[in-house]
Amino acid sequence: MKAPHLILGIGELLWDVLPEGPLLGGAPANFTVMAGRLGDHAVILSRIGRDELGRNAVNILDPLPVDSGHLQVDPVHEQAA
């Protein structure tokens, strides 16, 4: 069996605010989740705020097949503007 590839999704992890409600997104994050679902070692490299939206993003990512252990938490910008 072939070893999984290391896939790094570098860039925005954001909330798309839609009429149906907010959805976690961002092209690098979406790509990384899909790579993880295909069996690769997928790592998201991004930065989130130390606020409810940041905590919700981590809670959504936790059960997915991605490594979110490299997310930085911004200590200065604790809440969205």
Protein backbone atom coordinates (compact mmCIF):
# COMPACT_ATOMS: atom_id res chain seq x y z
CA MET A 1 0.00 0.00 0.00
CA LYS A 2 1.27 3.44 -0.93
CA ALA A 3 1.99 5.90 1.90
CA PRO A 4 -0.37 8.90 1.99
CA HIS A 5 0.84 12.19 0.60
CA LEU A 6 1.36 15.15 2.92
CA ILE A 7 -1.03 17.88 1.80
CA LEU A 8 -0.70 21.39 3.27
CA GLY A 9 -3.60 23.81 2.91
CA ILE A 10 -2.04 27.21 3.52
CA GLY A 11 -4.28 30.26 3.68
CA GLU A 12 -7.67 31.44 4.73
CA LEU A 13 -10.04 29.56 6.95
CA LEU A 14 -13.14 31.71 7.03
CA TRP A 15 -16.84 31.82 7.51
CA ASP A 16 -19.02 32.25 4.42
CA VAL A 17 -22.10 34.14 5.65
CA LEU A 18 -24.99 32.94 3.51
CA PRO A 19 -28.75 33.49 3.75
CA GLU A 20 -29.03 29.89 5.01
CA GLY A 21 -26.50 30.61 7.74
CA PRO A 22 -22.72 30.64 8.17
CA LEU A 23 -20.62 27.86 6.62
CA LEU A 24 -16.97 27.22 7.32
CA GLY A 25 -14.93 27.61 4.16
CA GLY A 26 -11.99 29.10 2.37
CA ALA A 27 -10.42 27.47 -0.68
CA PRO A 28 -7.29 26.13 1.09
CA ALA A 29 -9.39 24.68 3.92
CA ASN A 30 -11.91 23.10 1.52
CA PHE A 31 -9.10 21.58 -0.54
CA THR A 32 -7.39 20.21 2.56
CA VAL A 33 -10.55 18.58 3.89
CA MET A 34 -11.16 16.90 0.54
CA ALA A 35 -7.55 15.64 0.42
CA GLY A 36 -8.03 14.16 3.88
CA ARG A 37 -11.22 12.46 2.76
CA LEU A 38 -9.27 10.91 -0.11
CA GLY A 39 -6.82 9.36 2.35
CA ASP A 40 -3.94 11.81 2.38
CA HIS A 41 -2.36 13.33 5.51
CA ALA A 42 -3.99 16.76 5.24
CA VAL A 43 -2.85 19.70 7.37
CA ILE A 44 -4.55 23.10 7.61
CA LEU A 45 -2.13 26.01 8.17
CA SER A 46 -4.08 29.15 9.00
CA ARG A 47 -4.86 31.61 11.78
CA ILE A 48 -8.10 32.09 13.67
CA GLY A 49 -9.36 34.56 16.22
CA ARG A 50 -9.68 33.81 19.93
CA ASP A 51 -13.44 34.22 19.80
CA GLU A 52 -16.60 32.19 19.36
CA LEU A 53 -16.15 31.92 15.57
CA GLY A 54 -12.62 30.61 16.02
CA ARG A 55 -13.76 28.04 18.59
CA ASN A 56 -16.63 26.98 16.33
CA ALA A 57 -14.22 26.51 13.42
CA VAL A 58 -12.06 24.15 15.49
CA ASN A 59 -15.15 22.24 16.68
CA ILE A 60 -16.24 21.70 13.08
CA LEU A 61 -12.76 20.62 11.96
CA ASP A 62 -12.16 18.19 14.86
CA PRO A 63 -14.22 15.26 13.50
CA LEU A 64 -12.96 15.76 9.93
CA PRO A 65 -9.96 13.88 8.49
CA VAL A 66 -7.61 16.88 8.74
CA ASP A 67 -4.80 17.87 11.08
CA SER A 68 -5.83 21.23 12.56
CA GLY A 69 -3.06 21.20 15.16
CA HIS A 70 -1.14 23.87 13.26
CA LEU A 71 -3.84 26.54 13.46
CA GLN A 72 -2.55 29.68 15.10
CA VAL A 73 -4.82 31.53 17.50
CA ASP A 74 -4.42 35.29 17.27
CA PRO A 75 -3.97 36.63 20.81
CA VAL A 76 -4.40 40.28 19.74
CA HIS A 77 -7.61 40.08 17.72
CA GLU A 78 -9.85 38.25 20.11
CA GLN A 79 -13.07 39.20 18.36
CA ALA A 80 -14.10 39.81 14.80
CA ALA A 81 -14.39 43.47 13.84
